[in-house]
C-alpha cells in the first residue's frame, strides 16, 4: 500500500456508517413515495391499495437500494460512499487500488456476516492490526484515510 494511507479506525468508520444509513433512509423514502405516486397517477390506484400491494416487496427494495448504493459507490472512482467521503475515507484492495464491482458486492454481502452475533465482525475493526472488519478480511479490502487529492 502507498505510504500516504493509514488504516481508518472504528470511530471514523462508524460515523461514516451513520451518515450512509441516513442517506439510504432518505433514498428509500423518496423511492417509496415515487413508486406510490407513479401507481396512483398512472394506474389511478388508491394510495392505500398501492401500499398494501407493495408492502411485501418493500424489504427487497430496501436491500436492493442498500446493496446498489454500497456497490456502486465503493467501486466508483471515488472508492467511497457519501459517508466515507464526508469522513475522508476510501475502500481499497491490498495493493491500495480501487475495488471491482464484484468485490464490492461480495464485501457488501459479507457485511451481513459482520452483523451476526452482536456485530462482532464490525467490532473487530477496533482490535485488528490493519483495522479490518470480518467483511474486509473475507474479501481482502481495507478502509483507509483518503489521500488529500481524493475529494
N, C-alpha and C. Protein backbone atom coordinates (compact mmCIF):
# COMPACT_ATOMS: atom_id res chain seq x y z
N UNK A 1 0.84 -1.19 0.00
CA UNK A 1 0.00 0.00 0.00
C UNK A 1 0.88 1.24 0.00
N UNK A 2 0.33 2.32 -0.48
CA UNK A 2 1.08 3.57 -0.57
C UNK A 2 1.39 4.12 0.81
N UNK A 3 2.43 4.92 0.86
CA UNK A 3 2.88 5.48 2.13
C UNK A 3 1.89 6.47 2.73
N UNK A 4 1.04 7.10 1.90
CA UNK A 4 0.13 8.13 2.39
C UNK A 4 -1.07 7.57 3.13
N UNK A 5 -1.30 6.29 3.04
CA UNK A 5 -2.51 5.73 3.61
C UNK A 5 -2.33 5.28 5.05
N UNK A 6 -3.35 5.47 5.81
CA UNK A 6 -3.40 4.96 7.17
C UNK A 6 -4.74 4.26 7.31
N UNK A 7 -4.73 3.12 7.94
CA UNK A 7 -5.97 2.36 8.10
C UNK A 7 -6.94 3.14 8.98
N UNK A 8 -8.17 3.23 8.53
CA UNK A 8 -9.19 4.01 9.23
C UNK A 8 -9.67 3.25 10.46
N UNK A 9 -9.81 3.97 11.55
CA UNK A 9 -10.25 3.37 12.80
C UNK A 9 -11.75 3.22 12.92
N UNK A 10 -12.14 2.58 13.99
CA UNK A 10 -13.54 2.25 14.23
C UNK A 10 -14.42 3.50 14.28
N UNK A 11 -13.98 4.53 14.99
CA UNK A 11 -14.81 5.73 15.18
C UNK A 11 -15.15 6.41 13.86
N UNK A 12 -14.14 6.64 13.01
CA UNK A 12 -14.40 7.29 11.72
C UNK A 12 -15.30 6.43 10.85
N UNK A 13 -15.08 5.14 10.87
CA UNK A 13 -15.90 4.24 10.07
C UNK A 13 -17.33 4.19 10.60
N UNK A 14 -17.50 4.26 11.90
CA UNK A 14 -18.83 4.24 12.49
C UNK A 14 -19.61 5.50 12.10
N UNK A 15 -18.96 6.67 12.16
CA UNK A 15 -19.65 7.90 11.75
C UNK A 15 -19.99 7.86 10.27
N UNK A 16 -19.12 7.32 9.44
CA UNK A 16 -19.41 7.16 8.01
C UNK A 16 -20.63 6.25 7.84
N UNK A 17 -20.69 5.18 8.61
CA UNK A 17 -21.82 4.25 8.57
C UNK A 17 -23.12 4.96 8.92
N UNK A 18 -23.12 5.79 9.96
CA UNK A 18 -24.32 6.51 10.35
C UNK A 18 -24.78 7.47 9.25
N UNK A 19 -23.85 8.17 8.64
CA UNK A 19 -24.18 9.07 7.53
C UNK A 19 -24.79 8.28 6.38
N UNK A 20 -24.17 7.14 6.06
CA UNK A 20 -24.69 6.31 4.97
C UNK A 20 -26.09 5.79 5.27
N UNK A 21 -26.35 5.40 6.50
CA UNK A 21 -27.69 4.92 6.85
C UNK A 21 -28.72 6.04 6.70
N UNK A 22 -28.34 7.26 7.02
CA UNK A 22 -29.22 8.41 6.83
C UNK A 22 -29.52 8.60 5.34
N UNK A 23 -28.48 8.55 4.51
CA UNK A 23 -28.63 8.71 3.06
C UNK A 23 -29.52 7.60 2.49
N UNK A 24 -29.28 6.36 2.90
CA UNK A 24 -30.08 5.23 2.41
C UNK A 24 -31.54 5.37 2.84
N UNK A 25 -31.76 5.84 4.06
CA UNK A 25 -33.13 6.05 4.53
C UNK A 25 -33.83 7.09 3.67
N UNK A 26 -33.16 8.19 3.38
CA UNK A 26 -33.75 9.21 2.51
C UNK A 26 -34.05 8.65 1.12
N UNK A 27 -33.10 7.90 0.55
CA UNK A 27 -33.32 7.29 -0.77
C UNK A 27 -34.52 6.35 -0.75
N UNK A 28 -34.62 5.56 0.30
CA UNK A 28 -35.73 4.61 0.42
C UNK A 28 -37.06 5.34 0.49
N UNK A 29 -37.12 6.40 1.28
CA UNK A 29 -38.35 7.19 1.39
C UNK A 29 -38.71 7.80 0.04
N UNK A 30 -37.73 8.38 -0.64
CA UNK A 30 -38.00 9.01 -1.94
C UNK A 30 -38.45 7.99 -2.97
N UNK A 31 -37.78 6.83 -3.01
CA UNK A 31 -38.18 5.78 -3.96
C UNK A 31 -39.58 5.27 -3.61
N UNK A 32 -39.85 5.06 -2.34
CA UNK A 32 -41.18 4.60 -1.92
C UNK A 32 -42.26 5.58 -2.32
N UNK A 33 -42.03 6.85 -2.07
CA UNK A 33 -43.01 7.88 -2.47
C UNK A 33 -43.16 7.90 -3.98
N UNK A 34 -42.05 7.79 -4.70
CA UNK A 34 -42.08 7.77 -6.15
C UNK A 34 -42.90 6.62 -6.70
N UNK A 35 -42.73 5.44 -6.12
CA UNK A 35 -43.49 4.26 -6.57
C UNK A 35 -44.98 4.46 -6.31
N UNK A 36 -45.32 4.96 -5.13
CA UNK A 36 -46.72 5.18 -4.80
C UNK A 36 -47.34 6.22 -5.73
N UNK A 37 -46.65 7.34 -5.93
CA UNK A 37 -47.16 8.39 -6.81
C UNK A 37 -47.31 7.86 -8.23
N UNK A 38 -46.33 7.10 -8.70
CA UNK A 38 -46.40 6.53 -10.04
C UNK A 38 -47.66 5.67 -10.20
N UNK A 39 -47.91 4.79 -9.26
CA UNK A 39 -49.08 3.92 -9.35
C UNK A 39 -50.39 4.69 -9.19
N UNK A 40 -50.40 5.70 -8.35
CA UNK A 40 -51.62 6.49 -8.17
C UNK A 40 -51.93 7.28 -9.44
N UNK A 41 -50.91 7.90 -10.04
CA UNK A 41 -51.13 8.72 -11.23
C UNK A 41 -51.35 7.86 -12.47
N UNK A 42 -50.50 6.89 -12.71
CA UNK A 42 -50.57 6.09 -13.94
C UNK A 42 -51.72 5.08 -13.90
N UNK A 43 -51.84 4.37 -12.79
CA UNK A 43 -52.84 3.31 -12.70
C UNK A 43 -54.11 3.73 -11.96
N UNK A 44 -54.15 5.00 -11.55
CA UNK A 44 -55.30 5.55 -10.83
C UNK A 44 -55.73 4.67 -9.66
N UNK A 45 -54.73 4.24 -8.90
CA UNK A 45 -54.99 3.39 -7.74
C UNK A 45 -55.07 4.25 -6.48
N UNK A 46 -55.74 3.76 -5.52
CA UNK A 46 -55.79 4.37 -4.20
C UNK A 46 -54.41 4.19 -3.55
N UNK A 47 -53.84 5.25 -2.92
CA UNK A 47 -52.52 5.10 -2.29
C UNK A 47 -52.45 3.94 -1.29
N UNK A 48 -53.53 3.69 -0.57
CA UNK A 48 -53.53 2.58 0.39
C UNK A 48 -53.44 1.24 -0.33
N UNK A 49 -54.11 1.13 -1.48
CA UNK A 49 -54.03 -0.09 -2.30
C UNK A 49 -52.59 -0.35 -2.73
N UNK A 50 -51.93 0.70 -3.20
CA UNK A 50 -50.54 0.57 -3.65
C UNK A 50 -49.67 0.13 -2.49
N UNK A 51 -49.84 0.78 -1.35
CA UNK A 51 -49.04 0.44 -0.18
C UNK A 51 -49.27 -1.01 0.23
N UNK A 52 -50.52 -1.45 0.22
CA UNK A 52 -50.85 -2.83 0.57
C UNK A 52 -50.20 -3.82 -0.39
N UNK A 53 -50.24 -3.52 -1.69
CA UNK A 53 -49.68 -4.42 -2.68
C UNK A 53 -48.16 -4.47 -2.63
N UNK A 54 -47.54 -3.34 -2.31
CA UNK A 54 -46.08 -3.27 -2.33
C UNK A 54 -45.43 -3.61 -1.00
N UNK A 55 -46.19 -3.68 0.07
CA UNK A 55 -45.58 -3.88 1.39
C UNK A 55 -44.74 -5.15 1.46
N UNK A 56 -45.16 -6.19 0.77
CA UNK A 56 -44.39 -7.43 0.77
C UNK A 56 -43.08 -7.31 0.01
N UNK A 57 -43.02 -6.38 -0.93
CA UNK A 57 -41.83 -6.20 -1.75
C UNK A 57 -40.89 -5.12 -1.20
N UNK A 58 -41.36 -4.37 -0.24
CA UNK A 58 -40.59 -3.22 0.22
C UNK A 58 -39.24 -3.62 0.82
N UNK A 59 -39.18 -4.76 1.48
CA UNK A 59 -37.90 -5.22 2.04
C UNK A 59 -36.89 -5.46 0.93
N UNK A 60 -37.35 -5.96 -0.21
CA UNK A 60 -36.46 -6.18 -1.35
C UNK A 60 -35.98 -4.85 -1.93
N UNK A 61 -36.86 -3.88 -1.93
CA UNK A 61 -36.49 -2.55 -2.40
C UNK A 61 -35.40 -1.97 -1.50
N UNK A 62 -35.57 -2.10 -0.20
CA UNK A 62 -34.57 -1.59 0.75
C UNK A 62 -33.24 -2.30 0.55
N UNK A 63 -33.25 -3.63 0.50
CA UNK A 63 -31.99 -4.37 0.31
C UNK A 63 -31.36 -4.04 -1.04
N UNK A 64 -32.16 -3.90 -2.06
CA UNK A 64 -31.64 -3.56 -3.38
C UNK A 64 -31.00 -2.18 -3.41
N UNK A 65 -31.68 -1.21 -2.83
CA UNK A 65 -31.11 0.15 -2.77
C UNK A 65 -29.83 0.18 -1.95
N UNK A 66 -29.85 -0.52 -0.83
CA UNK A 66 -28.67 -0.54 0.03
C UNK A 66 -27.49 -1.18 -0.68
N UNK A 67 -27.71 -2.35 -1.27
CA UNK A 67 -26.63 -3.03 -1.98
C UNK A 67 -26.14 -2.19 -3.15
N UNK A 68 -27.07 -1.65 -3.92
CA UNK A 68 -26.69 -0.81 -5.05
C UNK A 68 -25.87 0.39 -4.62
N UNK A 69 -26.29 1.03 -3.56
CA UNK A 69 -25.58 2.21 -3.04
C UNK A 69 -24.13 1.86 -2.70
N UNK A 70 -23.95 0.83 -1.88
CA UNK A 70 -22.59 0.48 -1.46
C UNK A 70 -21.74 -0.02 -2.62
N UNK A 71 -22.30 -0.87 -3.46
CA UNK A 71 -21.53 -1.45 -4.56
C UNK A 71 -21.11 -0.38 -5.57
N UNK A 72 -22.06 0.44 -5.99
CA UNK A 72 -21.75 1.47 -6.98
C UNK A 72 -20.76 2.49 -6.42
N UNK A 73 -21.00 2.95 -5.22
CA UNK A 73 -20.15 3.99 -4.64
C UNK A 73 -18.74 3.49 -4.33
N UNK A 74 -18.63 2.31 -3.72
CA UNK A 74 -17.31 1.82 -3.31
C UNK A 74 -16.48 1.32 -4.48
N UNK A 75 -17.10 0.96 -5.59
CA UNK A 75 -16.34 0.54 -6.76
C UNK A 75 -16.14 1.69 -7.76
N UNK A 76 -16.66 2.86 -7.43
CA UNK A 76 -16.53 4.03 -8.30
C UNK A 76 -15.12 4.62 -8.21
N UNK A 77 -14.86 5.62 -9.01
CA UNK A 77 -13.55 6.28 -8.98
C UNK A 77 -13.28 6.96 -7.63
N UNK A 78 -14.33 7.30 -6.90
CA UNK A 78 -14.16 7.90 -5.56
C UNK A 78 -13.81 6.86 -4.51
N UNK A 79 -14.17 5.59 -4.77
CA UNK A 79 -13.89 4.48 -3.86
C UNK A 79 -14.52 4.68 -2.49
N UNK A 80 -15.63 5.38 -2.43
CA UNK A 80 -16.22 5.71 -1.14
C UNK A 80 -17.70 6.01 -1.27
N UNK A 81 -18.43 5.69 -0.22
CA UNK A 81 -19.82 6.10 -0.11
C UNK A 81 -19.84 7.57 0.32
N UNK A 82 -21.02 8.15 0.38
CA UNK A 82 -21.11 9.55 0.82
C UNK A 82 -20.59 9.70 2.25
N UNK A 83 -20.95 8.77 3.12
CA UNK A 83 -20.44 8.80 4.49
C UNK A 83 -18.93 8.72 4.56
N UNK A 84 -18.34 7.84 3.75
CA UNK A 84 -16.88 7.72 3.73
C UNK A 84 -16.25 8.99 3.16
N UNK A 85 -16.88 9.59 2.15
CA UNK A 85 -16.35 10.84 1.60
C UNK A 85 -16.34 11.94 2.66
N UNK A 86 -17.43 12.05 3.41
CA UNK A 86 -17.50 13.06 4.46
C UNK A 86 -16.40 12.83 5.50
N UNK A 87 -16.15 11.56 5.82
CA UNK A 87 -15.12 11.23 6.80
C UNK A 87 -13.74 11.08 6.18
N UNK A 88 -13.63 11.34 4.87
CA UNK A 88 -12.38 11.28 4.12
C UNK A 88 -11.72 9.90 4.18
N UNK A 89 -12.52 8.89 3.81
CA UNK A 89 -12.07 7.50 3.78
C UNK A 89 -12.28 6.92 2.40
N UNK A 90 -11.47 5.93 2.04
CA UNK A 90 -11.67 5.18 0.80
C UNK A 90 -11.54 3.69 1.07
N UNK A 91 -12.15 2.91 0.18
CA UNK A 91 -12.05 1.45 0.24
C UNK A 91 -11.06 1.01 -0.83
N UNK A 92 -10.10 0.18 -0.44
CA UNK A 92 -9.08 -0.27 -1.38
C UNK A 92 -8.87 -1.78 -1.27
N UNK A 93 -8.15 -2.32 -2.25
CA UNK A 93 -7.73 -3.71 -2.14
C UNK A 93 -6.37 -3.73 -1.43
N UNK A 94 -5.74 -4.88 -1.35
CA UNK A 94 -4.46 -4.99 -0.64
C UNK A 94 -3.34 -4.19 -1.30
N UNK A 95 -3.50 -3.83 -2.57
CA UNK A 95 -2.48 -3.04 -3.27
C UNK A 95 -2.79 -1.55 -3.27
N UNK A 96 -3.82 -1.16 -2.55
CA UNK A 96 -4.20 0.24 -2.50
C UNK A 96 -4.98 0.69 -3.72
N UNK A 97 -5.46 -0.25 -4.52
CA UNK A 97 -6.19 0.06 -5.74
C UNK A 97 -7.70 0.02 -5.52
N UNK A 98 -8.40 0.59 -6.45
CA UNK A 98 -9.86 0.59 -6.45
C UNK A 98 -10.37 -0.86 -6.55
N UNK A 99 -11.47 -1.15 -5.86
CA UNK A 99 -12.02 -2.50 -5.90
C UNK A 99 -13.03 -2.62 -7.05
N UNK A 100 -13.19 -3.83 -7.54
CA UNK A 100 -14.12 -4.08 -8.64
C UNK A 100 -15.56 -4.11 -8.14
N UNK A 101 -16.49 -4.07 -9.06
CA UNK A 101 -17.91 -4.16 -8.72
C UNK A 101 -18.17 -5.50 -8.02
N UNK A 102 -17.58 -6.57 -8.54
CA UNK A 102 -17.76 -7.89 -7.94
C UNK A 102 -17.25 -7.95 -6.51
N UNK A 103 -16.08 -7.39 -6.28
CA UNK A 103 -15.54 -7.39 -4.92
C UNK A 103 -16.37 -6.50 -4.01
N UNK A 104 -16.86 -5.38 -4.53
CA UNK A 104 -17.72 -4.50 -3.73
C UNK A 104 -19.01 -5.22 -3.34
N UNK A 105 -19.57 -6.00 -4.28
CA UNK A 105 -20.77 -6.77 -3.97
C UNK A 105 -20.48 -7.84 -2.92
N UNK A 106 -19.38 -8.54 -3.06
CA UNK A 106 -19.01 -9.55 -2.06
C UNK A 106 -18.76 -8.90 -0.70
N UNK A 107 -18.13 -7.73 -0.70
CA UNK A 107 -17.88 -7.01 0.56
C UNK A 107 -19.19 -6.65 1.23
N UNK A 108 -20.15 -6.17 0.43
CA UNK A 108 -21.44 -5.82 1.00
C UNK A 108 -22.14 -7.05 1.57
N UNK A 109 -22.13 -8.14 0.82
CA UNK A 109 -22.77 -9.37 1.30
C UNK A 109 -22.08 -9.87 2.56
N UNK A 110 -20.75 -9.78 2.60
CA UNK A 110 -20.01 -10.22 3.78
C UNK A 110 -20.29 -9.33 4.99
N UNK A 111 -20.72 -8.09 4.75
CA UNK A 111 -21.02 -7.20 5.87
C UNK A 111 -22.18 -7.73 6.70
N UNK A 112 -23.06 -8.51 6.08
CA UNK A 112 -24.15 -9.13 6.84
C UNK A 112 -23.61 -10.17 7.82
N UNK A 113 -22.52 -10.83 7.45
CA UNK A 113 -21.86 -11.75 8.39
C UNK A 113 -21.27 -10.98 9.56
N UNK A 114 -20.75 -9.79 9.28
CA UNK A 114 -20.19 -8.96 10.35
C UNK A 114 -21.24 -8.54 11.36
N UNK A 115 -22.50 -8.47 10.91
CA UNK A 115 -23.60 -8.09 11.80
C UNK A 115 -24.02 -9.24 12.72
N UNK A 116 -23.82 -10.46 12.25
CA UNK A 116 -24.24 -11.61 13.05
C UNK A 116 -23.49 -11.65 14.38
N UNK A 117 -24.10 -12.24 15.34
CA UNK A 117 -23.52 -12.40 16.68
C UNK A 117 -23.11 -11.03 17.24
N UNK A 118 -24.09 -10.19 17.41
CA UNK A 118 -23.92 -8.89 18.08
C UNK A 118 -22.88 -7.99 17.43
N UNK A 119 -22.79 -8.01 16.13
CA UNK A 119 -21.89 -7.13 15.35
C UNK A 119 -20.41 -7.32 15.66
N UNK A 120 -20.03 -8.51 16.11
CA UNK A 120 -18.63 -8.78 16.44
C UNK A 120 -17.72 -8.52 15.25
N UNK A 121 -18.20 -8.85 14.04
CA UNK A 121 -17.39 -8.63 12.83
C UNK A 121 -17.05 -7.16 12.62
N UNK A 122 -17.92 -6.27 13.06
CA UNK A 122 -17.63 -4.84 12.97
C UNK A 122 -16.71 -4.39 14.11
N UNK A 123 -16.93 -4.91 15.30
CA UNK A 123 -16.09 -4.52 16.43
C UNK A 123 -14.65 -4.97 16.26
N UNK A 124 -14.42 -5.96 15.40
CA UNK A 124 -13.05 -6.40 15.10
C UNK A 124 -12.20 -5.26 14.55
N UNK A 125 -12.85 -4.27 13.94
CA UNK A 125 -12.13 -3.12 13.37
C UNK A 125 -11.27 -2.46 14.43
N UNK A 126 -11.77 -2.37 15.63
CA UNK A 126 -11.03 -1.71 16.71
C UNK A 126 -9.89 -2.54 17.29
N UNK A 127 -9.82 -3.81 16.93
CA UNK A 127 -8.83 -4.69 17.58
C UNK A 127 -7.88 -5.40 16.63
N UNK A 128 -8.08 -5.30 15.33
CA UNK A 128 -7.18 -5.98 14.41
C UNK A 128 -6.05 -5.05 13.98
N UNK A 129 -4.94 -5.64 13.60
CA UNK A 129 -3.75 -4.87 13.25
C UNK A 129 -4.00 -3.86 12.14
N UNK A 130 -4.70 -4.27 11.09
CA UNK A 130 -4.97 -3.38 9.96
C UNK A 130 -6.34 -2.74 10.00
N UNK A 131 -6.97 -2.80 11.17
CA UNK A 131 -8.30 -2.21 11.39
C UNK A 131 -9.32 -2.72 10.38
N UNK A 132 -9.33 -4.02 10.20
CA UNK A 132 -10.26 -4.64 9.27
C UNK A 132 -11.40 -5.30 10.03
N UNK A 133 -12.60 -5.17 9.49
CA UNK A 133 -13.72 -5.93 9.99
C UNK A 133 -13.70 -7.30 9.33
N UNK A 134 -14.55 -8.19 9.80
CA UNK A 134 -14.63 -9.52 9.22
C UNK A 134 -14.90 -9.45 7.71
N UNK A 135 -15.81 -8.57 7.30
CA UNK A 135 -16.14 -8.44 5.88
C UNK A 135 -14.94 -7.98 5.06
N UNK A 136 -14.08 -7.12 5.63
CA UNK A 136 -12.86 -6.70 4.93
C UNK A 136 -11.89 -7.86 4.78
N UNK A 137 -11.73 -8.63 5.84
CA UNK A 137 -10.82 -9.77 5.79
C UNK A 137 -11.27 -10.81 4.77
N UNK A 138 -12.57 -11.05 4.72
CA UNK A 138 -13.09 -12.08 3.82
C UNK A 138 -12.89 -11.75 2.35
N UNK A 139 -12.87 -10.47 2.00
CA UNK A 139 -12.74 -10.09 0.59
C UNK A 139 -11.47 -9.29 0.30
N UNK A 140 -10.55 -9.28 1.25
CA UNK A 140 -9.24 -8.64 1.07
C UNK A 140 -9.35 -7.15 0.74
N UNK A 141 -10.02 -6.40 1.61
CA UNK A 141 -10.12 -4.96 1.42
C UNK A 141 -9.68 -4.23 2.69
N UNK A 142 -9.36 -2.97 2.52
CA UNK A 142 -9.03 -2.06 3.60
C UNK A 142 -9.90 -0.81 3.48
N UNK A 143 -10.17 -0.16 4.57
CA UNK A 143 -10.72 1.20 4.56
C UNK A 143 -9.61 2.07 5.11
N UNK A 144 -9.19 3.05 4.31
CA UNK A 144 -8.03 3.86 4.66
C UNK A 144 -8.39 5.34 4.59
N UNK A 145 -7.59 6.15 5.27
CA UNK A 145 -7.74 7.60 5.13
C UNK A 145 -7.43 7.96 3.69
N UNK A 146 -8.27 8.77 3.11
CA UNK A 146 -8.12 9.14 1.70
C UNK A 146 -6.94 10.09 1.52
N UNK A 147 -6.26 10.00 0.38
CA UNK A 147 -5.21 10.97 0.09
C UNK A 147 -5.82 12.36 -0.05
N UNK A 148 -5.05 13.40 0.20
CA UNK A 148 -5.60 14.76 0.18
C UNK A 148 -6.32 15.13 -1.12
N UNK A 149 -5.88 14.62 -2.25
CA UNK A 149 -6.49 14.98 -3.53
C UNK A 149 -7.71 14.13 -3.89
N UNK A 150 -8.11 13.20 -3.03
CA UNK A 150 -9.18 12.25 -3.34
C UNK A 150 -10.54 12.91 -3.58
N UNK A 151 -10.87 13.91 -2.80
CA UNK A 151 -12.18 14.52 -2.94
C UNK A 151 -12.00 15.99 -3.22
